C-alpha atoms as a PDB file:
ATOM      1  CA  MET A   1       9.702   4.277   7.670  1.00  0.00           C
ATOM      2  CA  ASN A   2      11.211   4.292  11.231  1.00  0.00           C
ATOM      3  CA  VAL A   3      10.972   7.202  13.369  1.00  0.00           C
ATOM      4  CA  PRO A   4      12.064   6.800  16.751  1.00  0.00           C
ATOM      5  CA  HIS A   5       9.652   7.973  18.732  1.00  0.00           C
ATOM      6  CA  GLN A   6      11.905   9.405  21.233  1.00  0.00           C
ATOM      7  CA  ALA A   7      13.491  11.869  18.453  1.00  0.00           C
ATOM      8  CA  LEU A   8       9.343  13.046  18.025  1.00  0.00           C
ATOM      9  CA  LYS A   9       8.874  12.871  21.725  1.00  0.00           C
ATOM     10  CA  HIS A  10      10.961  16.462  22.861  1.00  0.00           C
ATOM     11  CA  ALA A  11      10.965  17.706  19.197  1.00  0.00           C
ATOM     12  CA  HIS A  12      10.043  21.377  17.947  1.00  0.00           C
ATOM     13  CA  LEU A  13      10.215  19.841  14.510  1.00  0.00           C
ATOM     14  CA  LYS A  14       7.075  21.227  12.544  1.00  0.00           C
ATOM     15  CA  VAL A  15       5.842  18.044  11.801  1.00  0.00           C
ATOM     16  CA  LEU A  16       2.981  16.792  10.116  1.00  0.00           C
ATOM     17  CA  ASP A  17       1.733  13.630  10.042  1.00  0.00           C
ATOM     18  CA  LEU A  18      -0.619  12.639   6.819  1.00  0.00           C
ATOM     19  CA  ASN A  19      -1.885   9.807   8.443  1.00  0.00           C
ATOM     20  CA  ARG A  20      -3.455  11.499  10.968  1.00  0.00           C
ATOM     21  CA  ASP A  21      -4.555  15.053   9.496  1.00  0.00           C
ATOM     22  CA  LEU A  22      -4.940  15.664   5.748  1.00  0.00           C
ATOM     23  CA  VAL A  23      -3.404  19.018   4.691  1.00  0.00           C
ATOM     24  CA  GLY A  24      -5.781  21.794   4.407  1.00  0.00           C
ATOM     25  CA  ALA A  25      -7.280  20.215   7.415  1.00  0.00           C
ATOM     26  CA  GLY A  26      -7.635  21.505  11.275  1.00  0.00           C
ATOM     27  CA  SER A  27      -5.245  20.314  14.084  1.00  0.00           C
ATOM     28  CA  HIS A  28      -7.747  19.221  16.605  1.00  0.00           C
ATOM     29  CA  ARG A  29      -6.314  15.394  15.960  1.00  0.00           C
ATOM     30  CA  LEU A  30      -2.899  15.658  16.315  1.00  0.00           C
ATOM     31  CA  GLY A  31      -0.814  14.871  19.470  1.00  0.00           C
ATOM     32  CA  ALA A  32       1.664  16.423  20.681  1.00  0.00           C
ATOM     33  CA  GLY A  33       5.479  17.366  18.558  1.00  0.00           C
ATOM     34  CA  PHE A  34       2.250  18.087  15.493  1.00  0.00           C
ATOM     35  CA  LEU A  35       1.551  20.939  14.661  1.00  0.00           C
ATOM     36  CA  SER A  36      -0.982  21.956  11.794  1.00  0.00           C
ATOM     37  CA  ALA A  37      -1.214  21.766   8.104  1.00  0.00           C
ATOM     38  CA  GLN A  38      -1.251  25.950   8.897  1.00  0.00           C
ATOM     39  CA  SER A  39       1.376  25.642  10.926  1.00  0.00           C
ATOM     40  CA  LEU A  40       3.402  23.348   8.226  1.00  0.00           C
ATOM     41  CA  LEU A  41       2.228  26.318   5.709  1.00  0.00           C
ATOM     42  CA  ASP A  42       3.336  29.036   7.958  1.00  0.00           C
ATOM     43  CA  GLY A  43       6.841  27.937   8.510  1.00  0.00           C
ATOM     44  CA  LEU A  44       7.383  27.550   5.183  1.00  0.00           C
ATOM     45  CA  GLN A  45       6.898  31.235   4.447  1.00  0.00           C
ATOM     46  CA  SER A  46       9.969  32.087   6.016  1.00  0.00           C
ATOM     47  CA  PRO A  47      12.876  31.349   2.934  1.00  0.00           C
ATOM     48  CA  LEU A  48      15.994  30.259   4.248  1.00  0.00           C
ATOM     49  CA  ASP A  49      18.787  32.639   4.606  1.00  0.00           C
ATOM     50  CA  SER A  50      23.080  32.649   4.546  1.00  0.00           C
ATOM     51  CA  SER A  51      23.500  31.716   7.929  1.00  0.00           C
ATOM     52  CA  SER A  52      20.804  28.613   8.463  1.00  0.00           C
ATOM     53  CA  THR A  53      22.310  25.488   8.891  1.00  0.00           C
ATOM     54  CA  GLU A  54      19.569  23.383   6.969  1.00  0.00           C
ATOM     55  CA  ASP A  55      20.185  22.152   4.128  1.00  0.00           C
ATOM     56  CA  TYR A  56      16.431  22.455   3.139  1.00  0.00           C
ATOM     57  CA  ASP A  57      13.121  23.801   3.786  1.00  0.00           C
ATOM     58  CA  LEU A  58      11.428  20.597   3.845  1.00  0.00           C
ATOM     59  CA  VAL A  59      12.164  16.807   3.847  1.00  0.00           C
ATOM     60  CA  VAL A  60       8.975  14.599   3.323  1.00  0.00           C
ATOM     61  CA  ILE A  61       9.366  10.943   4.364  1.00  0.00           C
ATOM     62  CA  GLY A  62       7.069   8.720   2.167  1.00  0.00           C
ATOM     63  CA  GLY A  63       6.522   8.819  -1.173  1.00  0.00           C
ATOM     64  CA  GLY A  64       2.114   8.098  -1.282  1.00  0.00           C
ATOM     65  CA  SER A  65      -0.146  10.588  -2.876  1.00  0.00           C
ATOM     66  CA  GLY A  66      -0.484  12.535   0.192  1.00  0.00           C
ATOM     67  CA  GLY A  67       3.286  12.728  -0.109  1.00  0.00           C
ATOM     68  CA  LEU A  68       4.464  14.021  -3.262  1.00  0.00           C
ATOM     69  CA  ALA A  69       0.606  16.424  -2.960  1.00  0.00           C
ATOM     70  CA  CYS A  70       2.739  17.749  -0.420  1.00  0.00           C
ATOM     71  CA  ALA A  71       6.323  18.010  -1.546  1.00  0.00           C
ATOM     72  CA  LYS A  72       5.356  19.610  -5.080  1.00  0.00           C
ATOM     73  CA  ALA A  73       3.048  21.967  -3.480  1.00  0.00           C
ATOM     74  CA  ALA A  74       5.852  23.007  -1.367  1.00  0.00           C
ATOM     75  CA  SER A  75       7.686  23.557  -4.354  1.00  0.00           C
ATOM     76  CA  GLN A  76       5.834  26.337  -5.801  1.00  0.00           C
ATOM     77  CA  LEU A  77       6.461  28.514  -3.200  1.00  0.00           C
ATOM     78  CA  GLN A  78       9.957  28.156  -4.237  1.00  0.00           C
ATOM     79  CA  LYS A  79      11.356  25.922  -1.444  1.00  0.00           C
ATOM     80  CA  LYS A  80      13.870  23.173  -1.594  1.00  0.00           C
ATOM     81  CA  VAL A  81      12.111  20.484  -0.770  1.00  0.00           C
ATOM     82  CA  ALA A  82      13.228  16.223  -0.950  1.00  0.00           C
ATOM     83  CA  VAL A  83      11.408  13.276  -1.014  1.00  0.00           C
ATOM     84  CA  LEU A  84      12.569   9.994   0.385  1.00  0.00           C
ATOM     85  CA  ASP A  85      10.406   6.461  -0.202  1.00  0.00           C
ATOM     86  CA  PHE A  86      11.639   3.392   0.311  1.00  0.00           C
ATOM     87  CA  VAL A  87       9.223   0.003   0.416  1.00  0.00           C
ATOM     88  CA  THR A  88      10.779  -2.188   2.575  1.00  0.00           C
ATOM     89  CA  PRO A  89      10.013  -6.084   1.079  1.00  0.00           C
ATOM     90  CA  SER A  90       6.608  -7.339   2.096  1.00  0.00           C
ATOM     91  CA  THR A  91       6.597 -11.638   4.159  1.00  0.00           C
ATOM     92  CA  GLN A  92       7.416 -12.937   0.212  1.00  0.00           C
ATOM     93  CA  GLY A  93       9.561 -10.395  -0.352  1.00  0.00           C
ATOM     94  CA  THR A  94       7.179  -7.968  -2.476  1.00  0.00           C
ATOM     95  CA  THR A  95       8.412  -4.029  -3.402  1.00  0.00           C
ATOM     96  CA  TRP A  96       7.947  -1.829  -5.770  1.00  0.00           C
ATOM     97  CA  GLY A  97       8.473   1.975  -7.311  1.00  0.00           C
ATOM     98  CA  LEU A  98       7.231   5.396  -6.431  1.00  0.00           C
ATOM     99  CA  GLY A  99       3.916   6.465  -6.077  1.00  0.00           C
ATOM    100  CA  GLY A 100       2.665   4.308  -2.671  1.00  0.00           C
ATOM    101  CA  THR A 101       0.238   2.197  -2.059  1.00  0.00           C
ATOM    102  CA  CYS A 102      -2.549   3.270  -5.109  1.00  0.00           C
ATOM    103  CA  VAL A 103      -0.567   3.492  -7.695  1.00  0.00           C
ATOM    104  CA  ASN A 104       1.248   0.409  -7.157  1.00  0.00           C
ATOM    105  CA  VAL A 105      -0.527  -2.122  -4.662  1.00  0.00           C
ATOM    106  CA  GLY A 106      -3.841  -0.807  -4.643  1.00  0.00           C
ATOM    107  CA  CYS A 107      -6.679   1.187  -6.573  1.00  0.00           C
ATOM    108  CA  ILE A 108      -5.152   1.505  -9.613  1.00  0.00           C
ATOM    109  CA  PRO A 109      -3.966  -2.234 -10.259  1.00  0.00           C
ATOM    110  CA  LYS A 110      -7.493  -3.508  -8.213  1.00  0.00           C
ATOM    111  CA  LYS A 111      -9.147  -1.680 -10.732  1.00  0.00           C
ATOM    112  CA  LEU A 112      -7.389  -2.954 -14.064  1.00  0.00           C
ATOM    113  CA  MET A 113      -7.771  -6.651 -12.762  1.00  0.00           C
ATOM    114  CA  HIS A 114     -11.618  -5.716 -11.760  1.00  0.00           C
ATOM    115  CA  HIS A 115     -11.992  -4.452 -15.634  1.00  0.00           C
ATOM    116  CA  ALA A 116     -10.342  -7.805 -17.263  1.00  0.00           C
ATOM    117  CA  SER A 117     -13.036  -9.982 -14.461  1.00  0.00           C
ATOM    118  CA  LEU A 118     -15.765  -7.278 -16.546  1.00  0.00           C
ATOM    119  CA  LEU A 119     -14.248  -8.300 -19.680  1.00  0.00           C
ATOM    120  CA  GLY A 120     -14.123 -12.360 -19.546  1.00  0.00           C
ATOM    121  CA  ASP A 121     -17.670 -12.100 -18.494  1.00  0.00           C
ATOM    122  CA  ALA A 122     -18.635  -9.527 -21.559  1.00  0.00           C
ATOM    123  CA  ILE A 123     -17.181 -12.275 -23.745  1.00  0.00           C
ATOM    124  CA  ARG A 124     -19.091 -14.583 -22.423  1.00  0.00           C
ATOM    125  CA  ASP A 125     -22.024 -12.344 -22.571  1.00  0.00           C
ATOM    126  CA  SER A 126     -21.492 -11.170 -26.071  1.00  0.00           C
ATOM    127  CA  LYS A 127     -23.055 -14.364 -27.552  1.00  0.00           C
ATOM    128  CA  ALA A 128     -26.467 -13.731 -26.714  1.00  0.00           C
ATOM    129  CA  TYR A 129     -26.084 -10.412 -28.960  1.00  0.00           C
ATOM    130  CA  GLY A 130     -24.696 -11.806 -31.942  1.00  0.00           C
ATOM    131  CA  TRP A 131     -21.209 -11.873 -30.952  1.00  0.00           C
ATOM    132  CA  ASN A 132     -19.437 -15.047 -32.560  1.00  0.00           C
ATOM    133  CA  VAL A 133     -17.235 -16.217 -29.833  1.00  0.00           C
ATOM    134  CA  PRO A 134     -16.256 -19.938 -27.992  1.00  0.00           C
ATOM    135  CA  ASP A 135     -17.734 -21.755 -25.486  1.00  0.00           C
ATOM    136  CA  GLN A 136     -14.879 -21.448 -22.923  1.00  0.00           C
ATOM    137  CA  VAL A 137     -12.766 -18.217 -22.929  1.00  0.00           C
ATOM    138  CA  GLN A 138      -9.653 -18.908 -21.188  1.00  0.00           C
ATOM    139  CA  SER A 139      -7.840 -15.892 -19.182  1.00  0.00           C
ATOM    140  CA  ASP A 140      -4.241 -15.863 -19.251  1.00  0.00           C
ATOM    141  CA  TRP A 141      -2.166 -14.354 -16.064  1.00  0.00           C
ATOM    142  CA  THR A 142       1.332 -14.177 -17.675  1.00  0.00           C
ATOM    143  CA  THR A 143      -0.262 -11.259 -20.490  1.00  0.00           C
ATOM    144  CA  LEU A 144      -2.679  -9.473 -17.274  1.00  0.00           C
ATOM    145  CA  SER A 145      -0.216  -9.673 -14.950  1.00  0.00           C
ATOM    146  CA  THR A 146       2.747  -7.857 -17.246  1.00  0.00           C
ATOM    147  CA  ALA A 147       0.122  -5.508 -18.398  1.00  0.00           C
ATOM    148  CA  VAL A 148      -0.350  -4.287 -15.356  1.00  0.00           C
ATOM    149  CA  GLN A 149       2.332  -4.156 -13.589  1.00  0.00           C
ATOM    150  CA  ASN A 150       3.815  -2.479 -16.779  1.00  0.00           C
ATOM    151  CA  HIS A 151       0.887   0.740 -16.638  1.00  0.00           C
ATOM    152  CA  VAL A 152       1.992   0.754 -13.392  1.00  0.00           C
ATOM    153  CA  LYS A 153       5.555   1.718 -13.226  1.00  0.00           C
ATOM    154  CA  SER A 154       4.691   3.868 -16.619  1.00  0.00           C
ATOM    155  CA  LEU A 155       3.206   5.569 -13.202  1.00  0.00           C
ATOM    156  CA  ASN A 156       6.159   5.343 -11.151  1.00  0.00           C
ATOM    157  CA  TRP A 157       8.114   6.976 -14.112  1.00  0.00           C
ATOM    158  CA  GLY A 158       5.576  10.066 -14.394  1.00  0.00           C
ATOM    159  CA  HIS A 159       5.730  10.473 -11.084  1.00  0.00           C
ATOM    160  CA  ARG A 160       9.585  10.463 -10.641  1.00  0.00           C
ATOM    161  CA  VAL A 161       9.070  13.038 -13.756  1.00  0.00           C
ATOM    162  CA  GLN A 162       6.969  15.403 -12.293  1.00  0.00           C
ATOM    163  CA  LEU A 163       9.402  15.707  -9.507  1.00  0.00           C
ATOM    164  CA  ARG A 164      12.220  16.667 -11.014  1.00  0.00           C
ATOM    165  CA  ASP A 165      10.213  19.030 -12.924  1.00  0.00           C
ATOM    166  CA  LYS A 166       9.165  20.224 -10.527  1.00  0.00           C
ATOM    167  CA  ASN A 167      12.646  20.791  -8.836  1.00  0.00           C
ATOM    168  CA  VAL A 168      11.909  18.233  -5.917  1.00  0.00           C
ATOM    169  CA  GLU A 169      14.793  15.773  -5.192  1.00  0.00           C
ATOM    170  CA  TYR A 170      14.041  12.523  -4.741  1.00  0.00           C
ATOM    171  CA  ILE A 171      16.083   9.886  -2.973  1.00  0.00           C
ATOM    172  CA  ASN A 172      14.575   5.790  -2.729  1.00  0.00           C
ATOM    173  CA  GLY A 173      15.697   5.735   1.074  1.00  0.00           C
ATOM    174  CA  LEU A 174      14.559   5.048   3.954  1.00  0.00           C
ATOM    175  CA  GLY A 175      14.586   7.559   6.568  1.00  0.00           C
ATOM    176  CA  SER A 176      14.699   8.506  10.469  1.00  0.00           C
ATOM    177  CA  PHE A 177      14.637  11.282  11.998  1.00  0.00           C
ATOM    178  CA  LYS A 178      18.343  11.039  14.530  1.00  0.00           C
ATOM    179  CA  ASP A 179      17.554  14.878  16.236  1.00  0.00           C
ATOM    180  CA  PRO A 180      14.481  17.243  15.541  1.00  0.00           C
ATOM    181  CA  HIS A 181      16.274  18.950  12.342  1.00  0.00           C
ATOM    182  CA  THR A 182      18.489  15.545  11.096  1.00  0.00           C
ATOM    183  CA  VAL A 183      16.764  12.728   9.186  1.00  0.00           C
ATOM    184  CA  ARG A 184      18.956  10.031   8.441  1.00  0.00           C
ATOM    185  CA  VAL A 185      18.926   8.495   4.843  1.00  0.00           C
ATOM    186  CA  LYS A 186      19.684   4.642   4.760  1.00  0.00           C
ATOM    187  CA  GLU A 187      19.434   4.766   0.891  1.00  0.00           C
ATOM    188  CA  SER A 188      18.969   1.082  -1.507  1.00  0.00           C
ATOM    189  CA  ASN A 189      22.234   1.400  -2.127  1.00  0.00           C
ATOM    190  CA  GLY A 190      23.149   0.676   1.273  1.00  0.00           C
ATOM    191  CA  THR A 191      25.328   4.049   1.874  1.00  0.00           C
ATOM    192  CA  GLU A 192      23.653   7.104   4.387  1.00  0.00           C
ATOM    193  CA  ARG A 193      23.664  10.684   4.348  1.00  0.00           C
ATOM    194  CA  LEU A 194      22.610  12.954   6.670  1.00  0.00           C
ATOM    195  CA  LEU A 195      19.627  15.703   5.745  1.00  0.00           C
ATOM    196  CA  LYS A 196      19.645  18.792   7.490  1.00  0.00           C
ATOM    197  CA  THR A 197      15.300  20.574   7.268  1.00  0.00           C
ATOM    198  CA  ARG A 198      13.337  23.281   8.716  1.00  0.00           C
ATOM    199  CA  ASN A 199      10.843  21.065   8.721  1.00  0.00           C
ATOM    200  CA  ALA A 200       9.633  17.903   7.949  1.00  0.00           C
ATOM    201  CA  VAL A 201       6.349  15.475   6.565  1.00  0.00           C
ATOM    202  CA  ILE A 202       5.873  11.910   8.177  1.00  0.00           C
ATOM    203  CA  ALA A 203       3.267  10.530   5.084  1.00  0.00           C
ATOM    204  CA  VAL A 204       4.472   6.483   5.033  1.00  0.00           C
ATOM    205  CA  GLY A 205       0.793   5.436   5.196  1.00  0.00           C
ATOM    206  CA  VAL A 206       0.573   1.520   6.476  1.00  0.00           C
ATOM    207  CA  ARG A 207       1.040  -1.928   5.244  1.00  0.00           C
ATOM    208  CA  PRO A 208      -1.240  -4.860   5.659  1.00  0.00           C
ATOM    209  CA  TYR A 209      -1.472  -7.202   8.775  1.00  0.00           C
ATOM    210  CA  VAL A 210      -0.481 -10.435   9.029  1.00  0.00           C
ATOM    211  CA  PRO A 211      -1.554 -12.483  12.085  1.00  0.00           C
ATOM    212  CA  SER A 212       1.912 -14.333  13.443  1.00  0.00           C
ATOM    213  CA  GLN A 213      -0.111 -15.588  15.755  1.00  0.00           C
ATOM    214  CA  ILE A 214      -1.430 -18.136  13.065  1.00  0.00           C
ATOM    215  CA  PRO A 215       1.545 -21.023  12.311  1.00  0.00           C
ATOM    216  CA  GLY A 216       2.275 -20.835   8.490  1.00  0.00           C
ATOM    217  CA  ALA A 217       0.788 -17.279   8.305  1.00  0.00           C
ATOM    218  CA  VAL A 218       3.556 -15.017   7.359  1.00  0.00           C
ATOM    219  CA  GLU A 219       5.890 -17.356   5.860  1.00  0.00           C
ATOM    220  CA  TYR A 220       3.093 -18.240   3.229  1.00  0.00           C
ATOM    221  CA  GLY A 221      -0.236 -16.039   3.700  1.00  0.00           C
ATOM    222  CA  VAL A 222       0.248 -13.052   0.971  1.00  0.00           C
ATOM    223  CA  THR A 223      -1.752  -9.699   0.865  1.00  0.00           C
ATOM    224  CA  SER A 224      -2.559  -7.064  -1.399  1.00  0.00           C
ATOM    225  CA  ASP A 225       1.239  -6.238  -1.457  1.00  0.00           C
ATOM    226  CA  ASP A 226       2.312  -9.643  -2.802  1.00  0.00           C
ATOM    227  CA  LEU A 227      -0.833 -10.135  -5.367  1.00  0.00           C
ATOM    228  CA  PHE A 228      -0.860  -8.189  -8.214  1.00  0.00           C
ATOM    229  CA  TRP A 229       2.942  -9.094  -8.515  1.00  0.00           C
ATOM    230  CA  MET A 230       2.571 -13.180  -8.869  1.00  0.00           C
ATOM    231  CA  LYS A 231       4.796 -13.729 -11.767  1.00  0.00           C
ATOM    232  CA  LYS A 232       2.269 -17.156 -11.445  1.00  0.00           C
ATOM    233  CA  SER A 233      -1.750 -17.434 -11.079  1.00  0.00           C
ATOM    234  CA  PRO A 234      -2.761 -17.685  -7.550  1.00  0.00           C
ATOM    235  CA  GLY A 235      -4.859 -20.346  -8.666  1.00  0.00           C
ATOM    236  CA  LYS A 236      -7.332 -21.966  -5.903  1.00  0.00           C
ATOM    237  CA  THR A 237      -7.454 -19.282  -3.521  1.00  0.00           C
ATOM    238  CA  ILE A 238      -9.014 -18.976  -0.145  1.00  0.00           C
ATOM    239  CA  MET A 239      -8.471 -15.296   1.422  1.00  0.00           C
ATOM    240  CA  VAL A 240      -9.092 -14.386   5.275  1.00  0.00           C
ATOM    241  CA  ARG A 241     -11.698 -11.813   6.023  1.00  0.00           C
ATOM    242  CA  SER A 242     -14.232 -11.486   8.428  1.00  0.00           C
ATOM    243  CA  ARG A 243     -17.867 -10.308   7.053  1.00  0.00           C
ATOM    244  CA  PRO A 244     -17.881  -9.232   3.644  1.00  0.00           C
ATOM    245  CA  LEU A 245     -17.444  -5.972   2.693  1.00  0.00           C
ATOM    246  CA  LYS A 246     -17.786  -5.202   7.026  1.00  0.00           C
ATOM    247  CA  GLN A 247     -18.075  -1.270   6.945  1.00  0.00           C
ATOM    248  CA  PHE A 248     -20.102  -0.655   3.890  1.00  0.00           C
ATOM    249  CA  ASP A 249     -24.356  -1.213   3.769  1.00  0.00           C
ATOM    250  CA  GLN A 250     -24.793  -4.439   5.037  1.00  0.00           C
ATOM    251  CA  GLN A 251     -27.688  -4.799   3.090  1.00  0.00           C
ATOM    252  CA  MET A 252     -25.784  -4.227  -0.090  1.00  0.00           C
ATOM    253  CA  ALA A 253     -22.789  -6.083   1.404  1.00  0.00           C
ATOM    254  CA  GLU A 254     -24.905  -9.100   0.839  1.00  0.00           C
ATOM    255  CA  LEU A 255     -25.811  -8.755  -2.625  1.00  0.00           C
ATOM    256  CA  VAL A 256     -22.354  -8.433  -3.555  1.00  0.00           C
ATOM    257  CA  ALA A 257     -21.755 -11.631  -1.642  1.00  0.00           C
ATOM    258  CA  GLU A 258     -24.738 -13.447  -3.068  1.00  0.00           C
ATOM    259  CA  SER A 259     -23.668 -12.382  -6.697  1.00  0.00           C
ATOM    260  CA  MET A 260     -19.788 -13.736  -6.355  1.00  0.00           C
ATOM    261  CA  GLU A 261     -21.187 -17.295  -4.248  1.00  0.00           C
ATOM    262  CA  SER A 262     -23.585 -17.247  -8.478  1.00  0.00           C
ATOM    263  CA  LYS A 263     -19.791 -17.065  -9.809  1.00  0.00           C
ATOM    264  CA  GLY A 264     -18.084 -20.123  -8.230  1.00  0.00           C
ATOM    265  CA  THR A 265     -16.759 -18.528  -4.627  1.00  0.00           C
ATOM    266  CA  ARG A 266     -17.367 -20.391  -0.739  1.00  0.00           C
ATOM    267  CA  PHE A 267     -17.937 -18.413   1.706  1.00  0.00           C
ATOM    268  CA  LEU A 268     -16.713 -20.238   4.619  1.00  0.00           C
ATOM    269  CA  ARG A 269     -18.612 -17.587   7.508  1.00  0.00           C
ATOM    270  CA  LYS A 270     -17.688 -18.346  11.247  1.00  0.00           C
ATOM    271  CA  CYS A 271     -15.058 -20.095  10.713  1.00  0.00           C
ATOM    272  CA  VAL A 272     -10.475 -19.188  11.878  1.00  0.00           C
ATOM    273  CA  PRO A 273      -7.483 -20.242  10.077  1.00  0.00           C
ATOM    274  CA  VAL A 274      -5.770 -22.382  12.540  1.00  0.00           C
ATOM    275  CA  SER A 275      -2.435 -23.434  10.823  1.00  0.00           C
ATOM    276  CA  ILE A 276      -1.266 -22.844   7.666  1.00  0.00           C
ATOM    277  CA  GLU A 277       1.454 -26.346   5.640  1.00  0.00           C
ATOM    278  CA  LYS A 278       3.145 -26.822   2.914  1.00  0.00           C
ATOM    279  CA  ASP A 279       2.804 -30.135   1.839  1.00  0.00           C
ATOM    280  CA  ASP A 280       5.392 -31.928  -1.039  1.00  0.00           C
ATOM    281  CA  ARG A 281       3.742 -30.779  -4.025  1.00  0.00           C
ATOM    282  CA  GLY A 282       4.747 -27.162  -2.746  1.00  0.00           C
ATOM    283  CA  ARG A 283       0.819 -26.662  -2.333  1.00  0.00           C
ATOM    284  CA  LEU A 284      -0.728 -25.044   1.224  1.00  0.00           C
ATOM    285  CA  VAL A 285      -2.710 -27.337   3.829  1.00  0.00           C
ATOM    286  CA  VAL A 286      -5.052 -24.520   5.716  1.00  0.00           C
ATOM    287  CA  LYS A 287      -6.586 -26.777   8.903  1.00  0.00           C
ATOM    288  CA  TYR A 288      -8.956 -23.915   9.976  1.00  0.00           C
ATOM    289  CA  GLU A 289     -12.033 -23.893  13.165  1.00  0.00           C
ATOM    290  CA  ASP A 290     -15.819 -24.209  12.229  1.00  0.00           C
ATOM    291  CA  LEU A 291     -17.063 -21.769  15.409  1.00  0.00           C
ATOM    292  CA  THR A 292     -20.464 -23.469  15.278  1.00  0.00           C
ATOM    293  CA  ASN A 293     -19.982 -26.190  16.265  1.00  0.00           C
ATOM    294  CA  ARG A 294     -15.866 -26.501  17.176  1.00  0.00           C
ATOM    295  CA  GLN A 295     -14.457 -28.202  14.183  1.00  0.00           C
ATOM    296  CA  THR A 296     -11.731 -28.459  12.735  1.00  0.00           C
ATOM    297  CA  LYS A 297     -11.243 -28.918   9.394  1.00  0.00           C
ATOM    298  CA  GLU A 298      -8.660 -29.000   6.372  1.00  0.00           C
ATOM    299  CA  GLU A 299      -8.824 -28.060   2.695  1.00  0.00           C
ATOM    300  CA  VAL A 300      -5.684 -27.623  -0.110  1.00  0.00           C
ATOM    301  CA  PHE A 301      -4.851 -23.927  -1.991  1.00  0.00           C
ATOM    302  CA  ASP A 302      -2.400 -23.118  -3.947  1.00  0.00           C
ATOM    303  CA  THR A 303      -2.811 -19.147  -2.319  1.00  0.00           C
ATOM    304  CA  VAL A 304      -3.634 -18.002   1.133  1.00  0.00           C
ATOM    305  CA  MET A 305      -4.464 -14.105   0.914  1.00  0.00           C
ATOM    306  CA  PHE A 306      -5.172 -12.201   4.106  1.00  0.00           C
ATOM    307  CA  ALA A 307      -7.257  -8.938   3.694  1.00  0.00           C
ATOM    308  CA  THR A 308      -7.299  -8.761   7.762  1.00  0.00           C
ATOM    309  CA  GLY A 309      -6.427  -4.848   7.478  1.00  0.00           C
END
């Protein structure tokens, strides 16, 4: 979402940034112009009167987990609430529905695909327990991805129904501030409208980072925003990141890496990508530098995925 800095700098509007402070937490991390969750709730206690120029008690910009929870909680206080949610296409043009990262391109599809992988292992292991299964078990990407996407779409619809049931207005539009009490909305059909509101919550989350300084990264690289919505199997894939499970206990992380290596995953340690080009067959030629000896190498892949934060 586009939130002009100048509009916030001088705003006296009660604005809660859910990326920096969760509902119910204190205000010690909130900067100038941002009030605590309790201040927001205090502002919602007094109803709009007949002389008020605001159309809403609260406008929430962002329809992910935090934004939806905030909007539904405010509606339970009998407040007039609107939720704006709009997904700017990824570098590869991927978009999705209401619900935010977790529902569409995070926890939910990831767990479903992880479960599918475990099922493959279980089928192969089942022979030792008397199950008569073929030696070669094949997976079908189209069937898997369709099932995952259909489940995600059902959750999108469920969130819309919940908002309707709680009398929260859902607007599929991109929000920005015109002034401290006016949110400009550019809807998906191209029309614009202005929403007058007493309070606002910014709950837009973040998007994956693609290092644009690497030639070809933006043009050809995918992220978690794209992976679960790909129409064909990723095929031979290289994933760019730092070390495995960087923020986790490293002894456990190495055990995970060893397990992955035993199943065929290669780790190109201390290597950094230099460039990505597409060859005549549509495959991706990745050049990378081995930092241990400063040699530049190259290899061909079907998919390059960036998991760089």
